[in-house]
């Protein structure tokens, strides 16, 4: 790994992100967890996981692969999530998450 370079883990569980940092001859691993909207707490665990993965930037197909389901199932779960949270899609879900992040400061 080059000095000062960084790579992100390709398989973080439930939004946990592991970032490797190389500084000189040392390699550090930093763990972080995103601030999530409190509204996600009301979702069943499977829907909450889908929401977290989508907020992490994964496509329906990528979420399905990670969860061992189909993209169609993920789409149906997202429809349920959007309905329960009163949002109309990924963009509004992301805005909800951004609002939670800004209010946590």
Foldseek 3Di string as FASTA:
>chain_A
DDAQDKDWDPQDAQQWIWMWHHHPPDIDIDIDHAQFQPLLVPDDPVLSSLLSVVLVPDQLCRSCVSVVHHSVVSVVSVVVVCVSVVHDDSVVNNVSSVVRVVVVD
